[in-house]
Amino acid sequence: MASTLAMSRAFQFGTRLAAVSSSRTRASQVMVRSPLFVNSDSSKTRTLSRRFMSTAASLTDEQKLELEDKIKQKGDEIRTLKDDGISKDDLKPHVAELLELKAQLDPSSVAPKKKKQQQQPKKKKQNQQQNQKPTNDDAESDYITPRAENYSRWYNDIIRVCDLADDSPVRGCMVIKPWGMSLWDSIKNDLDARIKEHGAENAYFPLLIPKSFLEKEAEHVDGFAKECAVVTHHRLTADPSGEQGLIADPEAELEDPLIIRPTSETMIWHMFKKWIVSHRDLPLKMNQWANVMRWEMRTRPFLRTS
């Protein structure tokens, strides 16, 4: 069990919804970029809107979360297909399916947009100026975005104002500050005690995994192969030309590149094969607290960071 998974479960009442909000944003961006969605017939969107308007209001929270997950998966699938160069005709059914899922969750999202009014009353403009909220550019501000207005920004504001974590010089990584670390220690200690009640013992497996290990489990790593960080050399050297400072020593290239742990299963299975010789070695219950490294497109503090 990786620590990131434990953290996500522990924050299921708050942070899970933040991740869902991020997923909705990603899916929406995919649809906006798609010319098929932008140029869709307004009559079709009105039909979808009327079709799902009555059911959307009766959806339970679990059904909404399930739809959020489906929208995220479909959005990721469409983005991958576009990266692979799929034609518009082949992409059209996938976009239609994504549009239908979004209509089930929010019928107003597929309703035809009204034309913007060319002029606004002066009073309306003044009210908009007065209601403008301060931005998050000022890191010292204690302003917290209302949750109903922007859930993702509210989540980040809570972490900033409560002094739980801060951005690090490495993009996508965070520094967990004392308040945040104390929360994590409490969560970890509680979960660790519950895990040990079931007879599991803590162990630790290497951070670096041979590339050959992952190649044996091609299907297992297919989903995050593009997110792996690879170590190819074991030392640095000064650039002879003096132009680049330090460079990877060409003579120190590894025969079998090492992957910074995206997941520990391949290493754990290798060791279990060595330790389990007969049925007498069972059951073998082990738990690992460790962070993993995946090159994420979008990060969220305490959810998807390194």
Protein backbone atom coordinates (compact mmCIF):
# COMPACT_ATOMS: atom_id res chain seq x y z
CA MET A 1 0.00 0.00 0.00
CA ALA A 2 1.57 3.26 -1.10
CA SER A 3 1.34 6.31 1.09
CA THR A 4 -0.36 8.35 -1.62
CA LEU A 5 -3.24 5.84 -1.68
CA ALA A 6 -3.55 5.92 2.08
CA MET A 7 -3.62 9.72 2.00
CA SER A 8 -6.38 9.77 -0.59
CA ARG A 9 -8.56 7.39 1.45
CA ALA A 10 -8.05 9.34 4.62
CA PHE A 11 -9.19 12.59 3.00
CA GLN A 12 -12.21 10.92 1.35
CA PHE A 13 -14.67 13.47 2.82
CA GLY A 14 -12.88 16.46 1.33
CA THR A 15 -9.98 15.87 -1.00
CA ARG A 16 -11.71 13.22 -3.10
CA LEU A 17 -14.17 15.85 -4.25
CA ALA A 18 -11.26 18.13 -5.14
CA ALA A 19 -9.83 15.43 -7.39
CA VAL A 20 -13.26 14.93 -8.93
CA SER A 21 -13.47 18.68 -9.58
CA SER A 22 -10.09 18.53 -11.32
CA SER A 23 -11.34 15.63 -13.43
CA ARG A 24 -14.38 17.60 -14.51
CA THR A 25 -12.15 20.49 -15.55
CA ARG A 26 -9.93 18.19 -17.61
CA ALA A 27 -12.89 16.55 -19.33
CA SER A 28 -14.45 19.92 -20.09
CA GLN A 29 -11.23 21.17 -21.65
CA VAL A 30 -11.07 18.14 -23.89
CA MET A 31 -14.55 18.82 -25.20
CA VAL A 32 -13.91 22.50 -25.74
CA ARG A 33 -10.83 21.77 -27.84
CA SER A 34 -12.74 19.32 -29.99
CA PRO A 35 -14.14 21.04 -33.12
CA LEU A 36 -16.85 18.40 -33.28
CA PHE A 37 -18.26 19.58 -29.97
CA VAL A 38 -18.02 23.27 -30.79
CA ASN A 39 -19.79 22.85 -34.12
CA SER A 40 -22.48 20.44 -32.91
CA ASP A 41 -26.05 21.12 -33.98
CA SER A 42 -27.95 23.18 -31.40
CA SER A 43 -31.07 21.10 -31.94
CA LYS A 44 -29.18 18.01 -30.77
CA THR A 45 -28.00 19.77 -27.65
CA ARG A 46 -31.53 20.90 -26.84
CA THR A 47 -32.71 17.31 -27.24
CA LEU A 48 -30.01 16.03 -24.88
CA SER A 49 -30.78 18.78 -22.40
CA ARG A 50 -34.48 17.96 -22.29
CA ARG A 51 -33.70 14.25 -22.11
CA PHE A 52 -31.52 14.45 -19.02
CA MET A 53 -32.95 17.52 -17.25
CA SER A 54 -35.37 15.48 -15.16
CA THR A 55 -32.91 12.73 -14.25
CA ALA A 56 -30.01 15.02 -13.31
CA ALA A 57 -31.89 16.50 -10.37
CA SER A 58 -32.59 13.05 -8.93
CA LEU A 59 -29.02 11.73 -9.10
CA THR A 60 -27.50 10.61 -5.81
CA ASP A 61 -24.01 11.64 -4.73
CA GLU A 62 -22.68 8.18 -5.57
CA GLN A 63 -24.18 8.34 -9.06
CA LYS A 64 -22.69 11.78 -9.60
CA LEU A 65 -19.24 10.57 -8.53
CA GLU A 66 -19.59 7.58 -10.85
CA LEU A 67 -20.46 9.89 -13.75
CA GLU A 68 -17.48 12.10 -12.86
CA ASP A 69 -15.18 9.08 -13.09
CA LYS A 70 -16.65 8.04 -16.43
CA ILE A 71 -16.24 11.57 -17.80
CA LYS A 72 -12.61 11.64 -16.67
CA GLN A 73 -11.85 8.25 -18.22
CA LYS A 74 -13.54 9.18 -21.48
CA GLY A 75 -11.78 12.53 -21.58
CA ASP A 76 -8.41 10.87 -21.06
CA GLU A 77 -9.25 8.34 -23.77
CA ILE A 78 -10.14 11.11 -26.25
CA ARG A 79 -6.94 12.99 -25.48
CA THR A 80 -4.89 9.84 -26.06
CA LEU A 81 -6.68 9.15 -29.35
CA LYS A 82 -6.03 12.70 -30.54
CA ASP A 83 -2.35 12.38 -29.63
CA ASP A 84 -2.26 9.19 -31.71
CA GLY A 85 -3.61 11.07 -34.72
CA ILE A 86 -7.12 9.63 -34.91
CA SER A 87 -9.32 11.04 -37.68
CA LYS A 88 -12.28 13.29 -36.91
CA ASP A 89 -14.77 10.72 -38.22
CA ASP A 90 -13.37 8.02 -35.93
CA LEU A 91 -13.26 10.43 -33.00
CA LYS A 92 -16.86 11.56 -33.42
CA PRO A 93 -18.50 8.59 -31.59
CA HIS A 94 -16.18 9.07 -28.60
CA VAL A 95 -17.01 12.78 -28.39
CA ALA A 96 -20.72 11.99 -28.65
CA GLU A 97 -20.43 9.52 -25.77
CA LEU A 98 -18.56 12.09 -23.67
CA LEU A 99 -21.21 14.69 -24.48
CA GLU A 100 -23.97 12.32 -23.39
CA LEU A 101 -22.21 11.57 -20.08
CA LYS A 102 -21.80 15.26 -19.40
CA ALA A 103 -25.45 15.86 -20.23
CA GLN A 104 -26.48 13.24 -17.68
CA LEU A 105 -24.46 15.03 -15.01
CA ASP A 106 -25.25 18.61 -16.02
CA PRO A 107 -27.90 19.11 -18.75
CA SER A 108 -27.20 22.83 -18.90
CA SER A 109 -23.68 22.11 -20.16
CA VAL A 110 -25.05 21.01 -23.54
CA ALA A 111 -27.74 23.68 -23.82
CA PRO A 112 -27.22 26.14 -26.72
CA LYS A 113 -25.38 29.23 -25.58
CA LYS A 114 -27.21 32.52 -25.73
CA LYS A 115 -25.70 35.38 -27.63
CA LYS A 116 -23.87 37.83 -25.46
CA GLN A 117 -25.54 41.15 -25.02
CA GLN A 118 -23.63 43.89 -26.74
CA GLN A 119 -24.24 46.38 -23.98
CA GLN A 120 -24.64 46.01 -20.28
CA PRO A 121 -26.42 48.43 -18.00
CA LYS A 122 -24.09 50.64 -16.03
CA LYS A 123 -25.48 49.40 -12.72
CA LYS A 124 -24.80 45.82 -13.69
CA LYS A 125 -21.21 46.63 -14.59
CA GLN A 126 -20.73 48.47 -11.30
CA ASN A 127 -22.11 45.52 -9.35
CA GLN A 128 -19.76 43.16 -11.18
CA GLN A 129 -16.79 45.35 -10.33
CA GLN A 130 -17.81 45.49 -6.68
CA ASN A 131 -18.30 41.73 -6.53
CA GLN A 132 -14.91 40.91 -8.04
CA LYS A 133 -12.95 38.66 -5.74
CA PRO A 134 -9.23 39.04 -5.04
CA THR A 135 -6.95 36.69 -6.92
CA ASN A 136 -4.53 34.15 -5.45
CA ASP A 137 -1.49 35.95 -6.85
CA ASP A 138 -0.68 37.31 -3.40
CA ALA A 139 0.63 34.32 -1.43
CA GLU A 140 0.21 36.25 1.82
CA SER A 141 -3.53 36.81 1.36
CA ASP A 142 -5.89 35.04 3.77
CA TYR A 143 -8.76 35.14 1.28
CA ILE A 144 -10.43 31.76 0.69
CA THR A 145 -12.48 31.23 -2.46
CA PRO A 146 -16.01 30.05 -1.63
CA ARG A 147 -16.34 26.32 -2.12
CA ALA A 148 -19.53 26.68 -4.16
CA GLU A 149 -17.78 29.09 -6.52
CA ASN A 150 -14.68 27.07 -7.35
CA TYR A 151 -14.05 23.83 -5.49
CA SER A 152 -10.52 23.29 -6.82
CA ARG A 153 -9.38 26.80 -5.91
CA TRP A 154 -11.07 26.52 -2.51
CA TYR A 155 -9.08 23.32 -1.85
CA ASN A 156 -5.78 25.02 -2.74
CA ASP A 157 -6.68 28.09 -0.67
CA ILE A 158 -7.38 25.94 2.40
CA ILE A 159 -3.95 24.31 2.11
CA ARG A 160 -2.25 27.69 1.67
CA VAL A 161 -4.06 29.57 4.45
CA CYS A 162 -3.75 26.66 6.91
CA ASP A 163 -0.02 26.49 6.15
CA LEU A 164 -0.11 22.75 5.38
CA ALA A 165 2.25 22.68 2.39
CA ASP A 166 4.16 24.86 -0.04
CA ASP A 167 5.44 24.58 -3.59
CA SER A 168 9.00 23.36 -4.01
CA PRO A 169 11.62 24.52 -6.55
CA VAL A 170 10.90 21.28 -8.46
CA ARG A 171 7.75 21.68 -10.50
CA GLY A 172 5.02 19.26 -9.45
CA CYS A 173 6.59 18.58 -6.04
CA MET A 174 5.53 19.99 -2.69
CA VAL A 175 7.09 20.63 0.69
CA ILE A 176 4.93 19.32 3.53
CA LYS A 177 5.13 21.81 6.38
CA PRO A 178 4.85 20.92 10.11
CA TRP A 179 1.06 21.33 10.29
CA GLY A 180 0.55 19.15 7.23
CA MET A 181 3.07 16.60 8.45
CA SER A 182 1.38 16.30 11.83
CA LEU A 183 -1.93 15.58 10.11
CA TRP A 184 -0.26 12.95 7.94
CA ASP A 185 1.41 11.35 10.98
CA SER A 186 -1.96 11.06 12.74
CA ILE A 187 -3.59 9.51 9.68
CA LYS A 188 -0.69 7.15 9.05
CA ASN A 189 -0.50 5.97 12.67
CA ASP A 190 -4.23 5.23 12.73
CA LEU A 191 -4.16 3.32 9.43
CA ASP A 192 -0.96 1.50 10.36
CA ALA A 193 -2.55 0.18 13.56
CA ARG A 194 -5.60 -1.04 11.65
CA ILE A 195 -3.45 -2.78 9.04
CA LYS A 196 -1.40 -4.53 11.69
CA GLU A 197 -4.58 -5.78 13.37
CA HIS A 198 -5.02 -8.01 10.30
CA GLY A 199 -1.57 -9.56 10.77
CA ALA A 200 0.39 -7.51 8.25
CA GLU A 201 3.95 -6.36 8.91
CA ASN A 202 5.70 -3.31 7.52
CA ALA A 203 8.46 -3.71 4.94
CA TYR A 204 10.21 -1.45 2.47
CA PHE A 205 11.17 -2.11 -1.15
CA PRO A 206 13.69 -0.20 -3.32
CA LEU A 207 12.92 3.17 -4.85
CA LEU A 208 14.63 2.16 -8.12
CA ILE A 209 13.18 -0.65 -10.24
CA PRO A 210 15.01 -2.20 -13.22
CA LYS A 211 13.39 -1.40 -16.55
CA SER A 212 13.47 -5.11 -17.37
CA PHE A 213 11.07 -5.76 -14.46
CA LEU A 214 8.47 -3.45 -15.95
CA GLU A 215 8.92 -4.95 -19.42
CA LYS A 216 7.83 -8.32 -18.03
CA GLU A 217 4.52 -6.75 -16.96
CA ALA A 218 3.76 -4.75 -20.09
CA GLU A 219 0.00 -4.79 -19.54
CA HIS A 220 0.41 -3.75 -15.92
CA VAL A 221 2.47 -0.64 -16.69
CA ASP A 222 0.78 0.34 -19.95
CA GLY A 223 -1.42 2.88 -18.20
CA PHE A 224 1.44 4.93 -16.76
CA ALA A 225 4.41 4.08 -19.01
CA LYS A 226 4.46 7.68 -20.27
CA GLU A 227 4.64 8.97 -16.68
CA CYS A 228 7.83 7.16 -15.63
CA ALA A 229 11.07 8.93 -14.72
CA VAL A 230 14.14 7.01 -15.93
CA VAL A 231 17.68 6.91 -14.52
CA THR A 232 20.14 6.21 -17.34
CA HIS A 233 23.55 7.16 -15.83
CA HIS A 234 25.16 6.59 -12.44
CA ARG A 235 27.41 9.65 -12.28
CA LEU A 236 27.99 13.17 -13.58
CA THR A 237 31.09 14.78 -15.02
CA ALA A 238 32.22 18.24 -16.01
CA ASP A 239 31.53 19.20 -19.61
CA PRO A 240 34.92 19.20 -21.40
CA SER A 241 33.82 22.18 -23.49
CA GLY A 242 32.76 24.08 -20.38
CA GLU A 243 29.48 25.15 -21.99
CA GLN A 244 27.01 23.03 -20.01
CA GLY A 245 28.69 22.70 -16.60
CA LEU A 246 27.81 19.21 -15.38
CA ILE A 247 26.66 16.52 -17.81
CA ALA A 248 25.86 12.82 -17.58
CA ASP A 249 29.10 10.90 -17.95
CA PRO A 250 28.88 9.03 -21.29
CA GLU A 251 31.01 6.24 -19.81
CA ALA A 252 28.60 5.78 -16.88
CA GLU A 253 25.51 4.73 -18.83
CA LEU A 254 23.56 1.89 -17.19
CA GLU A 255 23.09 -1.36 -19.08
CA ASP A 256 19.61 -1.76 -17.62
CA PRO A 257 18.04 1.68 -16.97
CA LEU A 258 16.33 2.15 -13.62
CA ILE A 259 12.80 3.47 -13.18
CA ILE A 260 11.96 5.66 -10.20
CA ARG A 261 9.17 3.69 -8.53
CA PRO A 262 5.81 4.44 -10.22
CA THR A 263 4.41 1.43 -8.37
CA SER A 264 6.07 -1.35 -6.37
CA GLU A 265 4.18 -4.42 -7.58
CA THR A 266 6.87 -5.73 -9.93
CA MET A 267 9.56 -5.55 -7.24
CA ILE A 268 7.26 -7.04 -4.61
CA TRP A 269 6.27 -9.95 -6.88
CA HIS A 270 9.94 -10.65 -7.62
CA MET A 271 10.76 -10.86 -3.92
CA PHE A 272 7.64 -12.88 -3.06
CA LYS A 273 8.67 -15.43 -5.68
CA LYS A 274 11.96 -15.77 -3.81
CA TRP A 275 10.42 -15.94 -0.34
CA ILE A 276 7.41 -18.18 -1.01
CA VAL A 277 8.70 -21.68 -1.69
CA SER A 278 5.81 -23.79 -0.41
CA HIS A 279 2.41 -23.48 1.23
CA ARG A 280 4.16 -23.36 4.60
CA ASP A 281 5.33 -19.84 3.76
CA LEU A 282 1.74 -18.63 3.50
CA PRO A 283 0.06 -16.42 4.40
CA LEU A 284 2.60 -13.66 3.74
CA LYS A 285 1.14 -10.30 4.73
CA MET A 286 3.22 -7.19 4.18
CA ASN A 287 2.50 -3.48 4.00
CA GLN A 288 4.70 -0.74 2.57
CA TRP A 289 4.58 2.98 3.33
CA ALA A 290 6.30 4.69 0.43
CA ASN A 291 5.81 7.50 -2.05
CA VAL A 292 5.75 6.89 -5.79
CA MET A 293 6.89 8.96 -8.77
CA ARG A 294 4.67 9.62 -11.78
CA TRP A 295 5.10 12.46 -14.25
CA GLU A 296 1.59 13.88 -13.87
CA MET A 297 0.11 16.45 -16.24
CA ARG A 298 -1.83 18.17 -13.44
CA THR A 299 -0.89 17.96 -9.78
CA ARG A 300 -2.87 18.51 -6.59
CA PRO A 301 -1.28 18.94 -3.12
CA PHE A 302 -1.63 15.76 -1.03
CA LEU A 303 -3.36 13.98 -3.94
CA ARG A 304 -0.99 13.96 -6.91
CA THR A 305 2.44 15.36 -6.11
CA SER A 306 5.92 14.04 -5.46
